[in-house]
Every structure is written in structure tokens, then in C-alpha cells.
Amino acid sequence: MKHIGIVIATTLALCLAACSESDNLRIMSYNVHHCRGMDNIIDYKRIADVINRVAPDFVALQELDSATTRNNGKVCIDELARETGMHASYASAIYFGGGSYGIGILSKEKPLKTVVVPLVSRGEARRLLVAEYDKYIMCCTHFALNADDRMASARIVCDAVKEYKKPLLFAGDMNCIATDHEQAVIGSLFTTLNNPAECTYPSINANECIDYIYAMNNGYSYNVSESRVLVGDSIESDHLPLYVDVQISKK
């Protein structure tokens, strides 16, 4: 009986330890306006300086030029990766100016693989970038300007990621506010982590929140300890950067 009691106690301790395991992550989202600031100057280092001050684990980036004439052949995400020491993942949305234009993810950890999912837009093409890591999935997007296109894209996003079993974070420029119908579609699968009352656009005298960070409801709990929009960084881009500190644990 004593032996059985020890086995039960040990098993219970292991179960409690497994149930209490959690990870803390800092997730950032930033529409960088191809690194052209409100002063009309392209400056990769000052965008990187913002990212370095935040020191996130993952950054979802929108409006990235890659080898375009307006950026003098520079690849935005490579420049930012070099300045931050992070790993770069890029998804081209359109051919533009001799190169391409799209979205990306910077991460402390090198991704195991990436997947690019086409979304709906009657204007410039839009994409969902899915990057898988050892313990997490990070997704980035930039939704269309048209409400019907955003609604269709929200459904595509939910369908594209619903089978993932790892904790999944999703961020981007959604081009819509919290009360729009497409946010309700996203809300059927995701929890919003940032505070929509904190405005992100335009960067000078911001009056609406159109940039968001979400977590997928697939068996994990997400406890946000801090949600912040960096209102002091208004000159670097036409959007303000935002980040959340979140503790992730298995339900």
C-alpha cells in the first residue's frame, strides 16, 4: 500500500507540474510603411530601434518592400533582421517597382517551416503568412480595404489554421475596428489580446485601432499582463507599433 501511495503521489505531482507549465511571450505587430516615416525618410535603423527596445519574441510586419525601386533595391525585412538579430520570414503579396511588396515575421527562433495562404482582395493581393516553430505558430496578415473582402479573408484565415494543435498567435493590420462584422468572424476562433481602446492609426493623432494581436482558442489559456501601443513612436511609420505580454498555458 505504501508503494502504491508513493506512485500515486508521484503521478499526481507530475500531472500538476505539467498542468502548471506556462510560457511567457512578447508579441509585437507593426505596419512599417516600407520603412518610410512621416518625415518621408526611409530609415531601417529607426524601425529596428523600436523593435529592439520592445525586444519581442515575434514581430508581425506589414507593408514590406523587397528590392523595389522606391527602396533603392533594399529588402526591408532583411535590413530589419540584420539590425535586430532576428530570423526573417517573408511573403510576397504583389509584384511592385521591380521587386515585391508584402508581409513578414521576425522571430528570435528560426522557423521550422512557413506557409503562405492567398486571401481575398479586389485591389492589391493579400496574404496570410503562417510560420511554425518548435512550440508555437505565428501568423501575420494585412487585410484588404473592402469590407466584403475582409469578411471573406477572415473565413479563409479561420479555416486555414483551425487544425493546428500548438499555441497559435495571429497579428496584423486588419483595416477594421473592433465592432466591424469581420472581427466577429475572427472572434469565433480567436481571442483578442491587445486593447482595442488604444488607437494605432494614424500614427500622429491616432483615432482608431486597426492593428490587432490575437490568440487561437485551441485548448490553451492566454493571460495578458501588458498590452501597449507605443504612442511615442509616431514619426517612424504611419501606424503606431503595439505589443502584448502574454502567458500561455495548457487548459
C-alpha atoms as a PDB file:
ATOM      1  CA  MET A   1       0.000   0.000   0.000  1.00  0.00           C
ATOM      2  CA  LYS A   2       2.875   2.337   0.827  1.00  0.00           C
ATOM      3  CA  HIS A   3       4.381   1.694  -2.615  1.00  0.00           C
ATOM      4  CA  ILE A   4       1.041   2.418  -4.322  1.00  0.00           C
ATOM      5  CA  GLY A   5       0.726   5.627  -2.324  1.00  0.00           C
ATOM      6  CA  ILE A   6       4.171   6.779  -3.480  1.00  0.00           C
ATOM      7  CA  VAL A   7       3.290   6.001  -7.110  1.00  0.00           C
ATOM      8  CA  ILE A   8       0.015   7.932  -6.850  1.00  0.00           C
ATOM      9  CA  ALA A   9       1.719  10.889  -5.184  1.00  0.00           C
ATOM     10  CA  THR A  10       4.468  10.953  -7.806  1.00  0.00           C
ATOM     11  CA  THR A  11       1.973  10.710 -10.663  1.00  0.00           C
ATOM     12  CA  LEU A  12      -0.137  13.499  -9.160  1.00  0.00           C
ATOM     13  CA  ALA A  13       2.941  15.710  -8.769  1.00  0.00           C
ATOM     14  CA  LEU A  14       3.914  15.138 -12.393  1.00  0.00           C
ATOM     15  CA  CYS A  15       0.398  15.894 -13.579  1.00  0.00           C
ATOM     16  CA  LEU A  16       0.254  19.097 -11.546  1.00  0.00           C
ATOM     17  CA  ALA A  17       3.647  20.152 -12.897  1.00  0.00           C
ATOM     18  CA  ALA A  18       2.528  19.509 -16.466  1.00  0.00           C
ATOM     19  CA  CYS A  19      -0.731  21.378 -15.928  1.00  0.00           C
ATOM     20  CA  SER A  20       1.044  24.367 -14.407  1.00  0.00           C
ATOM     21  CA  GLU A  21       3.680  24.684 -17.141  1.00  0.00           C
ATOM     22  CA  SER A  22       3.423  28.008 -18.910  1.00  0.00           C
ATOM     23  CA  ASP A  23       5.443  30.218 -21.205  1.00  0.00           C
ATOM     24  CA  ASN A  24       5.700  33.980 -21.370  1.00  0.00           C
ATOM     25  CA  LEU A  25       5.900  35.602 -24.792  1.00  0.00           C
ATOM     26  CA  ARG A  26       6.061  39.156 -26.073  1.00  0.00           C
ATOM     27  CA  ILE A  27       4.220  39.539 -29.384  1.00  0.00           C
ATOM     28  CA  MET A  28       4.522  42.690 -31.485  1.00  0.00           C
ATOM     29  CA  SER A  29       2.718  43.967 -34.588  1.00  0.00           C
ATOM     30  CA  TYR A  30       3.951  46.827 -36.729  1.00  0.00           C
ATOM     31  CA  ASN A  31       2.876  48.234 -40.079  1.00  0.00           C
ATOM     32  CA  VAL A  32       6.185  49.823 -41.087  1.00  0.00           C
ATOM     33  CA  HIS A  33       5.053  51.675 -44.265  1.00  0.00           C
ATOM     34  CA  HIS A  34       8.044  50.215 -46.187  1.00  0.00           C
ATOM     35  CA  CYS A  35      10.210  51.868 -43.518  1.00  0.00           C
ATOM     36  CA  ARG A  36       9.313  55.337 -44.779  1.00  0.00           C
ATOM     37  CA  GLY A  37       8.479  57.651 -41.912  1.00  0.00           C
ATOM     38  CA  MET A  38       6.100  60.577 -41.630  1.00  0.00           C
ATOM     39  CA  ASP A  39       9.070  62.808 -42.475  1.00  0.00           C
ATOM     40  CA  ASN A  40       9.291  60.956 -45.840  1.00  0.00           C
ATOM     41  CA  ILE A  41      12.672  59.447 -44.903  1.00  0.00           C
ATOM     42  CA  ILE A  42      13.342  55.730 -45.362  1.00  0.00           C
ATOM     43  CA  ASP A  43      15.221  54.605 -42.275  1.00  0.00           C
ATOM     44  CA  TYR A  44      15.558  50.907 -41.415  1.00  0.00           C
ATOM     45  CA  LYS A  45      17.586  51.500 -38.294  1.00  0.00           C
ATOM     46  CA  ARG A  46      14.998  53.603 -36.507  1.00  0.00           C
ATOM     47  CA  ILE A  47      12.309  50.972 -37.182  1.00  0.00           C
ATOM     48  CA  ALA A  48      14.751  48.357 -35.883  1.00  0.00           C
ATOM     49  CA  ASP A  49      15.484  50.526 -32.856  1.00  0.00           C
ATOM     50  CA  VAL A  50      11.770  50.461 -31.957  1.00  0.00           C
ATOM     51  CA  ILE A  51      11.742  46.671 -32.260  1.00  0.00           C
ATOM     52  CA  ASN A  52      14.942  46.334 -30.245  1.00  0.00           C
ATOM     53  CA  ARG A  53      13.537  48.470 -27.418  1.00  0.00           C
ATOM     54  CA  VAL A  54      10.481  46.234 -27.208  1.00  0.00           C
ATOM     55  CA  ALA A  55      12.612  43.058 -27.520  1.00  0.00           C
ATOM     56  CA  PRO A  56       9.745  40.819 -28.693  1.00  0.00           C
ATOM     57  CA  ASP A  57       9.826  37.103 -29.331  1.00  0.00           C
ATOM     58  CA  PHE A  58       7.817  37.560 -32.536  1.00  0.00           C
ATOM     59  CA  VAL A  59       7.032  40.599 -34.699  1.00  0.00           C
ATOM     60  CA  ALA A  60       4.327  40.622 -37.387  1.00  0.00           C
ATOM     61  CA  LEU A  61       5.289  43.203 -40.034  1.00  0.00           C
ATOM     62  CA  GLN A  62       3.203  44.713 -42.805  1.00  0.00           C
ATOM     63  CA  GLU A  63       3.999  46.840 -45.883  1.00  0.00           C
ATOM     64  CA  LEU A  64       7.449  45.486 -46.585  1.00  0.00           C
ATOM     65  CA  ASP A  65       9.217  46.339 -49.847  1.00  0.00           C
ATOM     66  CA  SER A  66      11.581  43.765 -51.290  1.00  0.00           C
ATOM     67  CA  ALA A  67      14.117  45.014 -53.854  1.00  0.00           C
ATOM     68  CA  THR A  68      11.843  47.788 -55.170  1.00  0.00           C
ATOM     69  CA  THR A  69      12.987  50.942 -56.908  1.00  0.00           C
ATOM     70  CA  ARG A  70      11.442  53.189 -54.247  1.00  0.00           C
ATOM     71  CA  ASN A  71      13.586  51.443 -51.615  1.00  0.00           C
ATOM     72  CA  ASN A  72      16.694  51.525 -53.832  1.00  0.00           C
ATOM     73  CA  GLY A  73      16.731  47.754 -54.209  1.00  0.00           C
ATOM     74  CA  LYS A  74      16.851  47.098 -50.474  1.00  0.00           C
ATOM     75  CA  VAL A  75      14.945  44.177 -48.912  1.00  0.00           C
ATOM     76  CA  CYS A  76      13.142  45.674 -45.914  1.00  0.00           C
ATOM     77  CA  ILE A  77      12.846  42.545 -43.826  1.00  0.00           C
ATOM     78  CA  ASP A  78      16.492  41.583 -44.393  1.00  0.00           C
ATOM     79  CA  GLU A  79      17.600  45.035 -43.272  1.00  0.00           C
ATOM     80  CA  LEU A  80      15.447  44.764 -40.147  1.00  0.00           C
ATOM     81  CA  ALA A  81      16.629  41.213 -39.442  1.00  0.00           C
ATOM     82  CA  ARG A  82      20.229  42.382 -39.661  1.00  0.00           C
ATOM     83  CA  GLU A  83      19.626  45.288 -37.289  1.00  0.00           C
ATOM     84  CA  THR A  84      17.649  43.225 -34.756  1.00  0.00           C
ATOM     85  CA  GLY A  85      19.498  39.904 -34.958  1.00  0.00           C
ATOM     86  CA  MET A  86      16.210  38.084 -35.575  1.00  0.00           C
ATOM     87  CA  HIS A  87      15.190  35.472 -38.145  1.00  0.00           C
ATOM     88  CA  ALA A  88      13.197  36.722 -41.144  1.00  0.00           C
ATOM     89  CA  SER A  89      10.212  35.139 -42.911  1.00  0.00           C
ATOM     90  CA  TYR A  90       8.642  36.952 -45.864  1.00  0.00           C
ATOM     91  CA  ALA A  91       5.533  36.529 -48.011  1.00  0.00           C
ATOM     92  CA  SER A  92       5.243  38.475 -51.254  1.00  0.00           C
ATOM     93  CA  ALA A  93       1.746  39.784 -51.950  1.00  0.00           C
ATOM     94  CA  ILE A  94       2.271  41.709 -55.208  1.00  0.00           C
ATOM     95  CA  TYR A  95       4.957  42.445 -57.746  1.00  0.00           C
ATOM     96  CA  PHE A  96       5.858  46.085 -57.386  1.00  0.00           C
ATOM     97  CA  GLY A  97       8.501  48.543 -58.554  1.00  0.00           C
ATOM     98  CA  GLY A  98      10.867  45.929 -59.932  1.00  0.00           C
ATOM     99  CA  GLY A  99      10.553  43.793 -56.817  1.00  0.00           C
ATOM    100  CA  SER A 100       7.712  42.826 -54.497  1.00  0.00           C
ATOM    101  CA  TYR A 101       5.621  44.091 -51.608  1.00  0.00           C
ATOM    102  CA  GLY A 102       4.236  42.023 -48.783  1.00  0.00           C
ATOM    103  CA  ILE A 103       4.292  40.962 -45.150  1.00  0.00           C
ATOM    104  CA  GLY A 104       6.747  39.248 -42.836  1.00  0.00           C
ATOM    105  CA  ILE A 105       7.630  37.887 -39.426  1.00  0.00           C
ATOM    106  CA  LEU A 106      10.753  38.456 -37.372  1.00  0.00           C
ATOM    107  CA  SER A 107      11.422  35.852 -34.694  1.00  0.00           C
ATOM    108  CA  LYS A 108      14.069  35.026 -32.129  1.00  0.00           C
ATOM    109  CA  GLU A 109      13.789  31.387 -33.167  1.00  0.00           C
ATOM    110  CA  LYS A 110      14.302  30.109 -36.700  1.00  0.00           C
ATOM    111  CA  PRO A 111      11.024  28.738 -38.123  1.00  0.00           C
ATOM    112  CA  LEU A 112      10.682  25.054 -38.950  1.00  0.00           C
ATOM    113  CA  LYS A 113       8.579  25.925 -41.995  1.00  0.00           C
ATOM    114  CA  THR A 114       6.361  28.644 -43.431  1.00  0.00           C
ATOM    115  CA  VAL A 115       3.122  28.535 -45.405  1.00  0.00           C
ATOM    116  CA  VAL A 116       1.590  31.350 -47.469  1.00  0.00           C
ATOM    117  CA  VAL A 117      -2.201  31.395 -47.890  1.00  0.00           C
ATOM    118  CA  PRO A 118      -3.854  33.636 -50.539  1.00  0.00           C
ATOM    119  CA  LEU A 119      -6.644  35.866 -49.224  1.00  0.00           C
ATOM    120  CA  VAL A 120      -9.387  37.859 -50.957  1.00  0.00           C
ATOM    121  CA  SER A 121      -8.940  41.361 -52.337  1.00  0.00           C
ATOM    122  CA  ARG A 122     -10.350  43.167 -55.332  1.00  0.00           C
ATOM    123  CA  GLY A 123      -7.397  45.570 -55.131  1.00  0.00           C
ATOM    124  CA  GLU A 124      -3.827  44.553 -54.365  1.00  0.00           C
ATOM    125  CA  ALA A 125      -3.455  40.902 -53.415  1.00  0.00           C
ATOM    126  CA  ARG A 126      -3.375  39.954 -49.726  1.00  0.00           C
ATOM    127  CA  ARG A 127      -1.744  37.029 -47.955  1.00  0.00           C
ATOM    128  CA  LEU A 128      -1.640  35.133 -44.666  1.00  0.00           C
ATOM    129  CA  LEU A 129       1.866  34.087 -43.592  1.00  0.00           C
ATOM    130  CA  VAL A 130       1.987  31.100 -41.214  1.00  0.00           C
ATOM    131  CA  ALA A 131       5.335  30.338 -39.549  1.00  0.00           C
ATOM    132  CA  GLU A 132       5.702  27.188 -37.451  1.00  0.00           C
ATOM    133  CA  TYR A 133       8.254  26.951 -34.648  1.00  0.00           C
ATOM    134  CA  ASP A 134       9.156  24.251 -32.161  1.00  0.00           C
ATOM    135  CA  LYS A 135       6.403  25.165 -29.682  1.00  0.00           C
ATOM    136  CA  TYR A 136       4.342  27.856 -31.399  1.00  0.00           C
ATOM    137  CA  ILE A 137       2.675  29.037 -34.577  1.00  0.00           C
ATOM    138  CA  MET A 138       2.942  32.723 -35.530  1.00  0.00           C
ATOM    139  CA  CYS A 139       0.745  34.233 -38.236  1.00  0.00           C
ATOM    140  CA  CYS A 140       0.792  37.616 -39.931  1.00  0.00           C
ATOM    141  CA  THR A 141      -1.578  39.336 -42.352  1.00  0.00           C
ATOM    142  CA  HIS A 142      -2.670  42.648 -43.837  1.00  0.00           C
ATOM    143  CA  PHE A 143      -6.363  42.664 -44.696  1.00  0.00           C
ATOM    144  CA  ALA A 144      -7.943  44.464 -47.658  1.00  0.00           C
ATOM    145  CA  LEU A 145      -9.652  47.855 -47.629  1.00  0.00           C
ATOM    146  CA  ASN A 146     -13.019  46.450 -48.779  1.00  0.00           C
ATOM    147  CA  ALA A 147     -15.300  45.080 -46.041  1.00  0.00           C
ATOM    148  CA  ASP A 148     -16.603  42.146 -48.107  1.00  0.00           C
ATOM    149  CA  ASP A 149     -13.046  41.122 -48.955  1.00  0.00           C
ATOM    150  CA  ARG A 150     -12.079  41.301 -45.286  1.00  0.00           C
ATOM    151  CA  MET A 151     -15.054  39.148 -44.333  1.00  0.00           C
ATOM    152  CA  ALA A 152     -14.094  36.506 -46.901  1.00  0.00           C
ATOM    153  CA  SER A 153     -10.464  36.647 -45.777  1.00  0.00           C
ATOM    154  CA  ALA A 154     -11.436  36.247 -42.115  1.00  0.00           C
ATOM    155  CA  ARG A 155     -13.210  33.000 -43.001  1.00  0.00           C
ATOM    156  CA  ILE A 156     -10.194  31.805 -45.007  1.00  0.00           C
ATOM    157  CA  VAL A 157      -7.860  32.521 -42.080  1.00  0.00           C
ATOM    158  CA  CYS A 158     -10.037  30.595 -39.634  1.00  0.00           C
ATOM    159  CA  ASP A 159     -10.282  27.635 -41.992  1.00  0.00           C
ATOM    160  CA  ALA A 160      -6.540  27.663 -42.769  1.00  0.00           C
ATOM    161  CA  VAL A 161      -5.357  27.444 -39.161  1.00  0.00           C
ATOM    162  CA  LYS A 162      -8.105  25.578 -37.312  1.00  0.00           C
ATOM    163  CA  GLU A 163      -6.289  22.208 -37.333  1.00  0.00           C
ATOM    164  CA  TYR A 164      -3.086  23.456 -35.671  1.00  0.00           C
ATOM    165  CA  LYS A 165      -2.527  21.983 -32.202  1.00  0.00           C
ATOM    166  CA  LYS A 166       0.279  24.252 -30.988  1.00  0.00           C
ATOM    167  CA  PRO A 167      -0.451  27.634 -29.378  1.00  0.00           C
ATOM    168  CA  LEU A 168      -1.127  29.965 -32.288  1.00  0.00           C
ATOM    169  CA  LEU A 169      -0.655  33.741 -32.290  1.00  0.00           C
ATOM    170  CA  PHE A 170      -2.007  35.903 -35.098  1.00  0.00           C
ATOM    171  CA  ALA A 171      -1.328  39.604 -35.716  1.00  0.00           C
ATOM    172  CA  GLY A 172      -1.575  42.256 -38.362  1.00  0.00           C
ATOM    173  CA  ASP A 173      -3.116  45.334 -39.877  1.00  0.00           C
ATOM    174  CA  MET A 174      -6.760  44.296 -40.113  1.00  0.00           C
ATOM    175  CA  ASN A 175      -8.050  47.536 -41.669  1.00  0.00           C
ATOM    176  CA  CYS A 176     -11.156  47.313 -39.487  1.00  0.00           C
ATOM    177  CA  ILE A 177     -12.212  48.234 -35.961  1.00  0.00           C
ATOM    178  CA  ALA A 178     -13.394  46.021 -33.106  1.00  0.00           C
ATOM    179  CA  THR A 179     -17.113  46.469 -33.839  1.00  0.00           C
ATOM    180  CA  ASP A 180     -16.900  45.512 -37.537  1.00  0.00           C
ATOM    181  CA  HIS A 181     -18.522  42.235 -38.600  1.00  0.00           C
ATOM    182  CA  GLU A 182     -15.287  40.624 -39.768  1.00  0.00           C
ATOM    183  CA  GLN A 183     -13.928  40.920 -36.234  1.00  0.00           C
ATOM    184  CA  ALA A 184     -16.838  38.756 -35.080  1.00  0.00           C
ATOM    185  CA  VAL A 185     -15.808  36.066 -37.577  1.00  0.00           C
ATOM    186  CA  ILE A 186     -12.258  36.166 -36.245  1.00  0.00           C
ATOM    187  CA  GLY A 187     -13.649  36.133 -32.710  1.00  0.00           C
ATOM    188  CA  SER A 188     -15.331  32.776 -33.387  1.00  0.00           C
ATOM    189  CA  LEU A 189     -11.875  31.164 -33.262  1.00  0.00           C
ATOM    190  CA  PHE A 190      -9.581  33.761 -31.685  1.00  0.00           C
ATOM    191  CA  THR A 191      -9.291  35.857 -28.543  1.00  0.00           C
ATOM    192  CA  THR A 192      -8.163  39.467 -28.951  1.00  0.00           C
ATOM    193  CA  LEU A 193      -5.098  40.108 -26.792  1.00  0.00           C
ATOM    194  CA  ASN A 194      -4.486  43.830 -27.295  1.00  0.00           C
ATOM    195  CA  ASN A 195      -6.789  46.588 -26.051  1.00  0.00           C
ATOM    196  CA  PRO A 196      -8.897  47.970 -28.959  1.00  0.00           C
ATOM    197  CA  ALA A 197      -9.430  51.185 -26.973  1.00  0.00           C
ATOM    198  CA  GLU A 198      -5.764  52.025 -27.613  1.00  0.00           C
ATOM    199  CA  CYS A 199      -5.647  53.558 -31.095  1.00  0.00           C
ATOM    200  CA  THR A 200      -2.954  52.613 -33.611  1.00  0.00           C
ATOM    201  CA  TYR A 201      -3.773  54.676 -36.715  1.00  0.00           C
ATOM    202  CA  PRO A 202      -2.788  57.172 -37.960  1.00  0.00           C
ATOM    203  CA  SER A 203       0.474  57.396 -36.073  1.00  0.00           C
ATOM    204  CA  ILE A 204       0.037  61.130 -35.475  1.00  0.00           C
ATOM    205  CA  ASN A 205      -3.184  61.840 -33.539  1.00  0.00           C
ATOM    206  CA  ALA A 206      -4.324  58.228 -33.755  1.00  0.00           C
ATOM    207  CA  ASN A 207      -8.102  57.869 -33.633  1.00  0.00           C
ATOM    208  CA  GLU A 208      -8.823  54.182 -34.339  1.00  0.00           C
ATOM    209  CA  CYS A 209      -7.436  50.741 -33.623  1.00  0.00           C
ATOM    210  CA  ILE A 210      -6.985  48.715 -36.813  1.00  0.00           C
ATOM    211  CA  ASP A 211      -3.919  46.697 -35.754  1.00  0.00           C
ATOM    212  CA  TYR A 212      -4.539  43.584 -33.665  1.00  0.00           C
ATOM    213  CA  ILE A 213      -2.898  40.670 -31.898  1.00  0.00           C
ATOM    214  CA  TYR A 214      -4.947  37.501 -31.354  1.00  0.00           C
ATOM    215  CA  ALA A 215      -4.544  34.006 -29.910  1.00  0.00           C
ATOM    216  CA  MET A 216      -6.365  30.941 -31.227  1.00  0.00           C
ATOM    217  CA  ASN A 217      -8.743  29.140 -28.880  1.00  0.00           C
ATOM    218  CA  ASN A 218      -7.437  25.594 -29.309  1.00  0.00           C
ATOM    219  CA  GLY A 219      -7.013  24.356 -25.756  1.00  0.00           C
ATOM    220  CA  TYR A 220      -4.707  26.995 -24.303  1.00  0.00           C
ATOM    221  CA  SER A 221      -5.195  29.838 -21.848  1.00  0.00           C
ATOM    222  CA  TYR A 222      -3.755  33.272 -22.609  1.00  0.00           C
ATOM    223  CA  ASN A 223      -3.203  35.661 -19.733  1.00  0.00           C
ATOM    224  CA  VAL A 224      -2.183  39.172 -20.873  1.00  0.00           C
ATOM    225  CA  SER A 225      -0.029  41.005 -18.336  1.00  0.00           C
ATOM    226  CA  GLU A 226       0.626  44.036 -20.530  1.00  0.00           C
ATOM    227  CA  SER A 227      -0.896  45.499 -23.692  1.00  0.00           C
ATOM    228  CA  ARG A 228       0.700  48.633 -25.039  1.00  0.00           C
ATOM    229  CA  VAL A 229       0.633  50.927 -28.063  1.00  0.00           C
ATOM    230  CA  LEU A 230       3.856  52.923 -28.414  1.00  0.00           C
ATOM    231  CA  VAL A 231       2.385  56.379 -28.856  1.00  0.00           C
ATOM    232  CA  GLY A 232       5.816  57.992 -28.647  1.00  0.00           C
ATOM    233  CA  ASP A 233       6.939  56.307 -31.866  1.00  0.00           C
ATOM    234  CA  SER A 234       4.816  58.328 -34.275  1.00  0.00           C
ATOM    235  CA  ILE A 235       7.389  59.531 -36.800  1.00  0.00           C
ATOM    236  CA  GLU A 236       8.836  56.166 -37.893  1.00  0.00           C
ATOM    237  CA  SER A 237       5.705  54.967 -39.777  1.00  0.00           C
ATOM    238  CA  ASP A 238       2.087  55.911 -40.441  1.00  0.00           C
ATOM    239  CA  HIS A 239       0.987  53.244 -37.925  1.00  0.00           C
ATOM    240  CA  LEU A 240       1.911  53.001 -34.266  1.00  0.00           C
ATOM    241  CA  PRO A 241       3.565  49.767 -33.107  1.00  0.00           C
ATOM    242  CA  LEU A 242       1.866  47.657 -30.442  1.00  0.00           C
ATOM    243  CA  TYR A 243       2.785  44.651 -28.337  1.00  0.00           C
ATOM    244  CA  VAL A 244       1.380  42.327 -25.698  1.00  0.00           C
ATOM    245  CA  ASP A 245       2.999  40.258 -22.962  1.00  0.00           C
ATOM    246  CA  VAL A 246       1.101  37.011 -22.688  1.00  0.00           C
ATOM    247  CA  GLN A 247       1.424  33.917 -20.520  1.00  0.00           C
ATOM    248  CA  ILE A 248       0.397  30.764 -22.347  1.00  0.00           C
ATOM    249  CA  SER A 249      -0.637  27.629 -20.517  1.00  0.00           C
ATOM    250  CA  LYS A 250      -2.476  24.431 -21.359  1.00  0.00           C
ATOM    251  CA  LYS A 251      -6.058  24.371 -20.154  1.00  0.00           C
END
